[in-house]
Amino acid sequence: MEHKQPPQSLATILNEIFFTSHDNALLLVILEAVAVALRAMHAAGQFIPGLNDDMIGVHHLAARQPDLPRITFSQAVEQSSVFLDEATCAQQIASVRLPDDYWRIFKYMYFSGQTVPASFAKLADDARAQMRRQQLEPVSEEKNMWVWDEK
């Protein structure tokens, strides 16, 4: 019988990876899972008001399972009463706090490896810049923080 553990917040996992484990492969798997979950939620016309990476739960899978980790949200998902617009989706993904290089990759993952539409990229980048100005600073790129490994 496999013991089920509660999910860890994305914020906790990002801090662990950036400052301790430096596991780029795990980071990319988790970012892809989050991007896929957000895209599916948005495609269904759903969103989470005030989304941040503390509200995103990551359920680790056993090493023998090749699938992406399961992603859950700790706040109720709301159904949009109208078409979920591009600006709302862009703001939602901008709430995931990442260093710049990973931010570019995350946007690409959100579009399943397709080119990110220029209008969406601008909206997401503007939302991210606004969050930075409002002291919702994404993960800082400190001198001693690992960001990329060429393995």
N, C-alpha and C. Protein backbone atom coordinates (compact mmCIF):
# COMPACT_ATOMS: atom_id res chain seq x y z
N MET A 1 0.85 -1.18 0.00
CA MET A 1 0.00 0.00 0.00
C MET A 1 0.89 1.24 0.00
N GLU A 2 0.63 2.12 -0.95
CA GLU A 2 1.44 3.33 -1.08
C GLU A 2 0.87 4.44 -0.22
N HIS A 3 1.73 5.07 0.57
CA HIS A 3 1.30 6.15 1.45
C HIS A 3 1.13 7.43 0.63
N LYS A 4 -0.03 8.07 0.74
CA LYS A 4 -0.28 9.31 0.01
C LYS A 4 0.12 10.49 0.88
N GLN A 5 1.00 11.32 0.35
CA GLN A 5 1.43 12.50 1.09
C GLN A 5 0.69 13.72 0.54
N PRO A 6 0.49 14.72 1.40
CA PRO A 6 -0.17 15.93 0.91
C PRO A 6 0.74 16.63 -0.09
N PRO A 7 0.15 17.45 -0.94
CA PRO A 7 0.98 18.15 -1.93
C PRO A 7 1.88 19.19 -1.26
N GLN A 8 2.98 19.49 -1.92
CA GLN A 8 3.84 20.59 -1.49
C GLN A 8 3.49 21.79 -2.36
N SER A 9 3.61 22.97 -1.80
CA SER A 9 3.32 24.15 -2.61
C SER A 9 4.44 24.34 -3.63
N LEU A 10 4.07 24.89 -4.77
CA LEU A 10 5.06 25.17 -5.80
C LEU A 10 6.14 26.10 -5.25
N ALA A 11 5.76 27.06 -4.42
CA ALA A 11 6.74 27.99 -3.84
C ALA A 11 7.80 27.24 -3.04
N THR A 12 7.37 26.28 -2.24
CA THR A 12 8.30 25.48 -1.43
C THR A 12 9.24 24.67 -2.32
N ILE A 13 8.68 24.06 -3.33
CA ILE A 13 9.50 23.24 -4.24
C ILE A 13 10.49 24.10 -5.00
N LEU A 14 10.06 25.27 -5.48
CA LEU A 14 10.99 26.15 -6.21
C LEU A 14 12.15 26.58 -5.32
N ASN A 15 11.85 26.95 -4.08
CA ASN A 15 12.93 27.34 -3.17
C ASN A 15 13.90 26.19 -2.94
N GLU A 16 13.37 24.99 -2.76
CA GLU A 16 14.22 23.80 -2.56
C GLU A 16 15.13 23.57 -3.77
N ILE A 17 14.56 23.68 -4.95
CA ILE A 17 15.36 23.43 -6.16
C ILE A 17 16.38 24.54 -6.39
N PHE A 18 15.96 25.79 -6.28
CA PHE A 18 16.86 26.91 -6.57
C PHE A 18 18.00 27.03 -5.56
N PHE A 19 17.73 26.73 -4.30
CA PHE A 19 18.73 27.00 -3.27
C PHE A 19 19.40 25.76 -2.69
N THR A 20 18.86 24.56 -2.96
CA THR A 20 19.44 23.37 -2.34
C THR A 20 19.78 22.27 -3.35
N SER A 21 18.77 21.71 -3.99
CA SER A 21 19.00 20.51 -4.80
C SER A 21 19.55 20.78 -6.19
N HIS A 22 19.22 21.93 -6.77
CA HIS A 22 19.71 22.31 -8.10
C HIS A 22 19.36 21.27 -9.16
N ASP A 23 18.19 20.69 -9.05
CA ASP A 23 17.76 19.62 -9.95
C ASP A 23 16.96 20.20 -11.12
N ASN A 24 17.68 20.53 -12.19
CA ASN A 24 17.05 21.14 -13.36
C ASN A 24 16.02 20.22 -14.01
N ALA A 25 16.32 18.95 -14.08
CA ALA A 25 15.39 18.01 -14.71
C ALA A 25 14.05 17.98 -13.97
N LEU A 26 14.11 17.90 -12.64
CA LEU A 26 12.88 17.91 -11.83
C LEU A 26 12.14 19.24 -12.00
N LEU A 27 12.87 20.33 -12.00
CA LEU A 27 12.25 21.64 -12.17
C LEU A 27 11.47 21.71 -13.48
N LEU A 28 12.07 21.26 -14.55
CA LEU A 28 11.39 21.32 -15.84
C LEU A 28 10.16 20.43 -15.89
N VAL A 29 10.22 19.26 -15.26
CA VAL A 29 9.05 18.37 -15.20
C VAL A 29 7.92 19.05 -14.43
N ILE A 30 8.26 19.66 -13.31
CA ILE A 30 7.23 20.33 -12.49
C ILE A 30 6.66 21.54 -13.22
N LEU A 31 7.51 22.34 -13.85
CA LEU A 31 7.00 23.50 -14.59
C LEU A 31 6.08 23.07 -15.72
N GLU A 32 6.43 21.99 -16.40
CA GLU A 32 5.56 21.50 -17.47
C GLU A 32 4.21 21.07 -16.91
N ALA A 33 4.22 20.37 -15.79
CA ALA A 33 2.97 19.92 -15.17
C ALA A 33 2.09 21.12 -14.79
N VAL A 34 2.70 22.15 -14.22
CA VAL A 34 1.95 23.35 -13.84
C VAL A 34 1.41 24.05 -15.08
N ALA A 35 2.23 24.18 -16.11
CA ALA A 35 1.79 24.84 -17.34
C ALA A 35 0.62 24.09 -17.98
N VAL A 36 0.71 22.76 -18.03
CA VAL A 36 -0.36 21.94 -18.60
C VAL A 36 -1.64 22.09 -17.77
N ALA A 37 -1.52 22.08 -16.44
CA ALA A 37 -2.70 22.21 -15.58
C ALA A 37 -3.36 23.58 -15.74
N LEU A 38 -2.55 24.63 -15.79
CA LEU A 38 -3.12 25.97 -15.97
C LEU A 38 -3.78 26.11 -17.34
N ARG A 39 -3.14 25.58 -18.36
CA ARG A 39 -3.70 25.67 -19.72
C ARG A 39 -5.04 24.93 -19.79
N ALA A 40 -5.11 23.74 -19.17
CA ALA A 40 -6.36 22.97 -19.17
C ALA A 40 -7.46 23.71 -18.42
N MET A 41 -7.10 24.29 -17.29
CA MET A 41 -8.07 25.05 -16.50
C MET A 41 -8.58 26.24 -17.32
N HIS A 42 -7.68 26.95 -17.97
CA HIS A 42 -8.08 28.11 -18.78
C HIS A 42 -8.91 27.69 -19.99
N ALA A 43 -8.54 26.58 -20.62
CA ALA A 43 -9.30 26.09 -21.79
C ALA A 43 -10.73 25.73 -21.39
N ALA A 44 -10.92 25.34 -20.14
CA ALA A 44 -12.26 25.02 -19.63
C ALA A 44 -13.01 26.27 -19.16
N GLY A 45 -12.39 27.44 -19.35
CA GLY A 45 -13.03 28.69 -18.93
C GLY A 45 -12.95 28.93 -17.44
N GLN A 46 -11.97 28.33 -16.78
CA GLN A 46 -11.84 28.46 -15.33
C GLN A 46 -10.58 29.24 -14.96
N PHE A 47 -10.62 29.84 -13.78
CA PHE A 47 -9.47 30.60 -13.28
C PHE A 47 -9.53 30.65 -11.76
N ILE A 48 -8.43 31.09 -11.15
CA ILE A 48 -8.37 31.26 -9.70
C ILE A 48 -8.02 32.71 -9.41
N PRO A 49 -8.94 33.47 -8.83
CA PRO A 49 -8.62 34.87 -8.51
C PRO A 49 -7.45 34.93 -7.53
N GLY A 50 -6.52 35.83 -7.79
CA GLY A 50 -5.39 36.02 -6.89
C GLY A 50 -4.41 34.86 -6.86
N LEU A 51 -4.37 34.07 -7.91
CA LEU A 51 -3.48 32.90 -7.94
C LEU A 51 -2.03 33.29 -7.66
N ASN A 52 -1.36 32.49 -6.84
CA ASN A 52 0.08 32.62 -6.63
C ASN A 52 0.66 31.23 -6.44
N ASP A 53 1.99 31.12 -6.42
CA ASP A 53 2.59 29.80 -6.39
C ASP A 53 2.49 29.09 -5.04
N ASP A 54 1.98 29.77 -4.01
CA ASP A 54 1.68 29.08 -2.76
C ASP A 54 0.37 28.31 -2.87
N MET A 55 -0.47 28.66 -3.84
CA MET A 55 -1.77 28.01 -4.02
C MET A 55 -1.70 26.81 -4.96
N ILE A 56 -0.55 26.59 -5.56
CA ILE A 56 -0.39 25.49 -6.51
C ILE A 56 0.27 24.32 -5.78
N GLY A 57 -0.44 23.22 -5.69
CA GLY A 57 0.07 22.04 -5.01
C GLY A 57 0.64 21.04 -5.99
N VAL A 58 1.79 20.48 -5.66
CA VAL A 58 2.44 19.48 -6.52
C VAL A 58 2.46 18.16 -5.77
N HIS A 59 1.84 17.16 -6.37
CA HIS A 59 1.84 15.81 -5.81
C HIS A 59 2.92 15.03 -6.54
N HIS A 60 3.94 14.60 -5.81
CA HIS A 60 5.02 13.84 -6.44
C HIS A 60 4.55 12.44 -6.78
N LEU A 61 4.98 11.97 -7.92
CA LEU A 61 4.67 10.61 -8.33
C LEU A 61 5.84 9.71 -7.97
N ALA A 62 5.57 8.45 -7.85
CA ALA A 62 6.64 7.49 -7.59
C ALA A 62 7.60 7.49 -8.78
N ALA A 63 8.84 7.19 -8.52
CA ALA A 63 9.87 7.21 -9.56
C ALA A 63 9.53 6.29 -10.73
N ARG A 64 8.75 5.24 -10.49
CA ARG A 64 8.42 4.29 -11.56
C ARG A 64 7.35 4.82 -12.50
N GLN A 65 6.74 5.93 -12.18
CA GLN A 65 5.68 6.49 -13.01
C GLN A 65 6.25 7.60 -13.90
N PRO A 66 6.12 7.45 -15.21
CA PRO A 66 6.71 8.42 -16.12
C PRO A 66 5.86 9.67 -16.34
N ASP A 67 4.65 9.69 -15.80
CA ASP A 67 3.75 10.82 -16.03
C ASP A 67 4.21 12.07 -15.28
N LEU A 68 3.59 13.18 -15.64
CA LEU A 68 3.84 14.44 -14.93
C LEU A 68 3.26 14.36 -13.53
N PRO A 69 3.84 15.12 -12.59
CA PRO A 69 3.23 15.18 -11.25
C PRO A 69 1.80 15.72 -11.36
N ARG A 70 0.96 15.32 -10.43
CA ARG A 70 -0.42 15.84 -10.41
C ARG A 70 -0.40 17.20 -9.74
N ILE A 71 -1.13 18.13 -10.31
CA ILE A 71 -1.20 19.50 -9.81
C ILE A 71 -2.60 19.76 -9.27
N THR A 72 -2.67 20.38 -8.10
CA THR A 72 -3.95 20.78 -7.52
C THR A 72 -3.85 22.25 -7.10
N PHE A 73 -4.99 22.84 -6.86
CA PHE A 73 -5.03 24.24 -6.46
C PHE A 73 -5.72 24.34 -5.10
N SER A 74 -5.15 25.12 -4.18
CA SER A 74 -5.68 25.17 -2.82
C SER A 74 -6.83 26.16 -2.66
N GLN A 75 -7.17 26.84 -3.71
CA GLN A 75 -8.30 27.76 -3.66
C GLN A 75 -9.30 27.32 -4.71
N ALA A 76 -10.55 27.60 -4.48
CA ALA A 76 -11.59 27.18 -5.40
C ALA A 76 -11.37 27.77 -6.80
N VAL A 77 -11.55 26.92 -7.77
CA VAL A 77 -11.48 27.34 -9.16
C VAL A 77 -12.84 27.93 -9.51
N GLU A 78 -12.82 29.07 -10.16
CA GLU A 78 -14.08 29.71 -10.54
C GLU A 78 -14.32 29.55 -12.03
N GLN A 79 -15.57 29.38 -12.37
CA GLN A 79 -15.97 29.29 -13.77
C GLN A 79 -16.26 30.71 -14.25
N SER A 80 -15.63 31.10 -15.33
CA SER A 80 -15.87 32.42 -15.89
C SER A 80 -17.27 32.43 -16.49
N SER A 81 -18.01 33.50 -16.24
CA SER A 81 -19.36 33.61 -16.78
C SER A 81 -19.34 34.06 -18.24
N VAL A 82 -18.19 34.54 -18.65
CA VAL A 82 -18.00 34.94 -20.04
C VAL A 82 -16.71 34.26 -20.53
N PHE A 83 -16.41 34.45 -21.79
CA PHE A 83 -15.19 33.89 -22.35
C PHE A 83 -13.99 34.36 -21.53
N LEU A 84 -13.13 33.44 -21.15
CA LEU A 84 -11.93 33.77 -20.37
C LEU A 84 -10.94 34.44 -21.32
N ASP A 85 -10.69 35.72 -21.10
CA ASP A 85 -9.88 36.48 -22.05
C ASP A 85 -8.38 36.23 -21.88
N GLU A 86 -7.65 36.61 -22.91
CA GLU A 86 -6.21 36.42 -22.96
C GLU A 86 -5.49 37.13 -21.82
N ALA A 87 -5.97 38.31 -21.43
CA ALA A 87 -5.34 39.07 -20.36
C ALA A 87 -5.45 38.34 -19.02
N THR A 88 -6.59 37.72 -18.74
CA THR A 88 -6.76 36.97 -17.49
C THR A 88 -5.83 35.75 -17.47
N CYS A 89 -5.77 35.04 -18.59
CA CYS A 89 -4.87 33.87 -18.66
C CYS A 89 -3.42 34.30 -18.50
N ALA A 90 -3.04 35.40 -19.13
CA ALA A 90 -1.67 35.91 -19.03
C ALA A 90 -1.34 36.29 -17.59
N GLN A 91 -2.28 36.93 -16.93
CA GLN A 91 -2.06 37.32 -15.54
C GLN A 91 -1.92 36.10 -14.64
N GLN A 92 -2.70 35.06 -14.92
CA GLN A 92 -2.62 33.83 -14.13
C GLN A 92 -1.23 33.20 -14.24
N ILE A 93 -0.70 33.08 -15.45
CA ILE A 93 0.61 32.43 -15.57
C ILE A 93 1.72 33.33 -15.05
N ALA A 94 1.51 34.65 -15.11
CA ALA A 94 2.52 35.58 -14.59
C ALA A 94 2.66 35.47 -13.08
N SER A 95 1.66 34.89 -12.42
CA SER A 95 1.71 34.77 -10.96
C SER A 95 2.69 33.69 -10.49
N VAL A 96 3.17 32.85 -11.39
CA VAL A 96 4.16 31.84 -11.04
C VAL A 96 5.52 32.53 -11.04
N ARG A 97 6.13 32.63 -9.86
CA ARG A 97 7.37 33.40 -9.70
C ARG A 97 8.58 32.58 -10.11
N LEU A 98 9.20 33.02 -11.21
CA LEU A 98 10.35 32.31 -11.77
C LEU A 98 11.42 33.29 -12.21
N PRO A 99 12.68 32.86 -12.17
CA PRO A 99 13.74 33.68 -12.78
C PRO A 99 13.48 33.80 -14.30
N ASP A 100 14.04 34.81 -14.90
CA ASP A 100 13.75 35.14 -16.30
C ASP A 100 13.89 33.97 -17.28
N ASP A 101 14.97 33.21 -17.21
CA ASP A 101 15.16 32.11 -18.16
C ASP A 101 14.04 31.08 -18.05
N TYR A 102 13.66 30.74 -16.83
CA TYR A 102 12.59 29.77 -16.64
C TYR A 102 11.23 30.36 -17.00
N TRP A 103 11.07 31.65 -16.83
CA TRP A 103 9.83 32.32 -17.22
C TRP A 103 9.61 32.16 -18.72
N ARG A 104 10.64 32.36 -19.52
CA ARG A 104 10.51 32.19 -20.98
C ARG A 104 10.14 30.75 -21.33
N ILE A 105 10.76 29.80 -20.66
CA ILE A 105 10.45 28.38 -20.91
C ILE A 105 9.02 28.06 -20.48
N PHE A 106 8.60 28.59 -19.34
CA PHE A 106 7.26 28.32 -18.82
C PHE A 106 6.18 28.82 -19.79
N LYS A 107 6.36 30.00 -20.34
CA LYS A 107 5.38 30.50 -21.32
C LYS A 107 5.29 29.56 -22.52
N TYR A 108 6.41 29.08 -22.97
CA TYR A 108 6.47 28.14 -24.09
C TYR A 108 5.75 26.84 -23.73
N MET A 109 5.97 26.34 -22.52
CA MET A 109 5.31 25.11 -22.07
C MET A 109 3.79 25.30 -21.99
N TYR A 110 3.36 26.48 -21.58
CA TYR A 110 1.93 26.78 -21.48
C TYR A 110 1.26 26.60 -22.84
N PHE A 111 1.98 26.90 -23.90
CA PHE A 111 1.45 26.75 -25.26
C PHE A 111 1.87 25.42 -25.88
N SER A 112 2.19 24.44 -25.06
CA SER A 112 2.52 23.08 -25.50
C SER A 112 3.61 23.05 -26.56
N GLY A 113 4.62 23.88 -26.37
CA GLY A 113 5.76 23.87 -27.28
C GLY A 113 5.54 24.66 -28.56
N GLN A 114 4.40 25.29 -28.68
CA GLN A 114 4.13 26.13 -29.85
C GLN A 114 4.63 27.54 -29.58
N THR A 115 4.76 28.32 -30.62
CA THR A 115 5.19 29.70 -30.46
C THR A 115 4.17 30.46 -29.61
N VAL A 116 4.68 31.21 -28.64
CA VAL A 116 3.82 32.02 -27.79
C VAL A 116 3.35 33.23 -28.61
N PRO A 117 2.03 33.43 -28.74
CA PRO A 117 1.55 34.59 -29.49
C PRO A 117 2.11 35.89 -28.90
N ALA A 118 2.52 36.79 -29.75
CA ALA A 118 3.15 38.04 -29.31
C ALA A 118 2.23 38.82 -28.37
N SER A 119 0.94 38.85 -28.67
CA SER A 119 0.01 39.60 -27.82
C SER A 119 -0.06 38.99 -26.42
N PHE A 120 -0.06 37.66 -26.34
CA PHE A 120 -0.09 36.99 -25.04
C PHE A 120 1.21 37.23 -24.29
N ALA A 121 2.35 37.11 -24.98
CA ALA A 121 3.66 37.32 -24.34
C ALA A 121 3.74 38.72 -23.75
N LYS A 122 3.25 39.72 -24.48
CA LYS A 122 3.29 41.10 -23.98
C LYS A 122 2.40 41.25 -22.75
N LEU A 123 1.19 40.70 -22.80
CA LEU A 123 0.29 40.78 -21.65
C LEU A 123 0.90 40.09 -20.43
N ALA A 124 1.47 38.90 -20.62
CA ALA A 124 2.06 38.15 -19.51
C ALA A 124 3.28 38.89 -18.95
N ASP A 125 4.13 39.40 -19.83
CA ASP A 125 5.32 40.13 -19.38
C ASP A 125 4.94 41.42 -18.64
N ASP A 126 3.91 42.10 -19.15
CA ASP A 126 3.43 43.32 -18.47
C ASP A 126 2.85 42.99 -17.10
N ALA A 127 2.08 41.89 -17.00
CA ALA A 127 1.50 41.48 -15.72
C ALA A 127 2.61 41.12 -14.74
N ARG A 128 3.63 40.45 -15.23
CA ARG A 128 4.76 40.07 -14.38
C ARG A 128 5.51 41.32 -13.89
N ALA A 129 5.72 42.27 -14.77
CA ALA A 129 6.40 43.52 -14.38
C ALA A 129 5.58 44.28 -13.34
N GLN A 130 4.27 44.29 -13.51
CA GLN A 130 3.40 44.97 -12.55
C GLN A 130 3.49 44.29 -11.18
N MET A 131 3.52 42.96 -11.17
CA MET A 131 3.64 42.23 -9.90
C MET A 131 4.97 42.56 -9.22
N ARG A 132 6.01 42.69 -9.98
CA ARG A 132 7.31 43.05 -9.41
C ARG A 132 7.25 44.44 -8.77
N ARG A 133 6.59 45.35 -9.44
CA ARG A 133 6.47 46.72 -8.90
C ARG A 133 5.62 46.75 -7.63
N GLN A 134 4.69 45.82 -7.51
CA GLN A 134 3.82 45.78 -6.34
C GLN A 134 4.41 44.94 -5.21
N GLN A 135 5.70 44.72 -5.24
CA GLN A 135 6.41 43.97 -4.20
C GLN A 135 6.04 42.50 -4.17
N LEU A 136 5.42 42.00 -5.21
CA LEU A 136 5.18 40.56 -5.32
C LEU A 136 6.34 40.00 -6.13
N GLU A 137 7.52 40.31 -5.68
CA GLU A 137 8.75 40.01 -6.39
C GLU A 137 8.89 38.52 -6.71
N PRO A 138 9.07 38.17 -7.99
CA PRO A 138 9.36 36.77 -8.32
C PRO A 138 10.66 36.33 -7.66
N VAL A 139 10.92 35.05 -7.67
CA VAL A 139 12.13 34.52 -7.05
C VAL A 139 13.32 35.35 -7.49
N SER A 140 14.06 35.88 -6.53
CA SER A 140 15.18 36.74 -6.86
C SER A 140 16.33 35.95 -7.43
N GLU A 141 17.11 36.59 -8.25
CA GLU A 141 18.27 35.94 -8.85
C GLU A 141 19.50 36.39 -8.07
N GLU A 142 19.65 35.85 -6.86
CA GLU A 142 20.77 36.19 -6.01
C GLU A 142 22.06 35.60 -6.56
N LYS A 143 23.19 36.17 -6.15
CA LYS A 143 24.48 35.70 -6.63
C LYS A 143 24.71 34.21 -6.39
N ASN A 144 24.30 33.71 -5.25
CA ASN A 144 24.58 32.32 -4.90
C ASN A 144 23.46 31.36 -5.30
N MET A 145 22.50 31.84 -6.04
CA MET A 145 21.39 30.99 -6.41
C MET A 145 21.69 30.29 -7.73
N TRP A 146 21.51 28.99 -7.76
CA TRP A 146 21.70 28.22 -8.97
C TRP A 146 20.51 28.47 -9.88
N VAL A 147 20.76 28.69 -11.15
CA VAL A 147 19.67 28.93 -12.08
C VAL A 147 19.68 27.93 -13.23
N TRP A 148 20.82 27.52 -13.68
CA TRP A 148 20.86 26.67 -14.86
C TRP A 148 22.05 25.74 -14.77
N ASP A 149 21.89 24.55 -15.26
CA ASP A 149 22.96 23.57 -15.28
C ASP A 149 23.03 22.99 -16.67
N GLU A 150 24.20 22.99 -17.26
CA GLU A 150 24.36 22.53 -18.64
C GLU A 150 24.55 21.03 -18.75
N LYS A 151 23.98 20.26 -17.83
CA LYS A 151 24.12 18.79 -17.87
C LYS A 151 23.40 18.21 -19.05
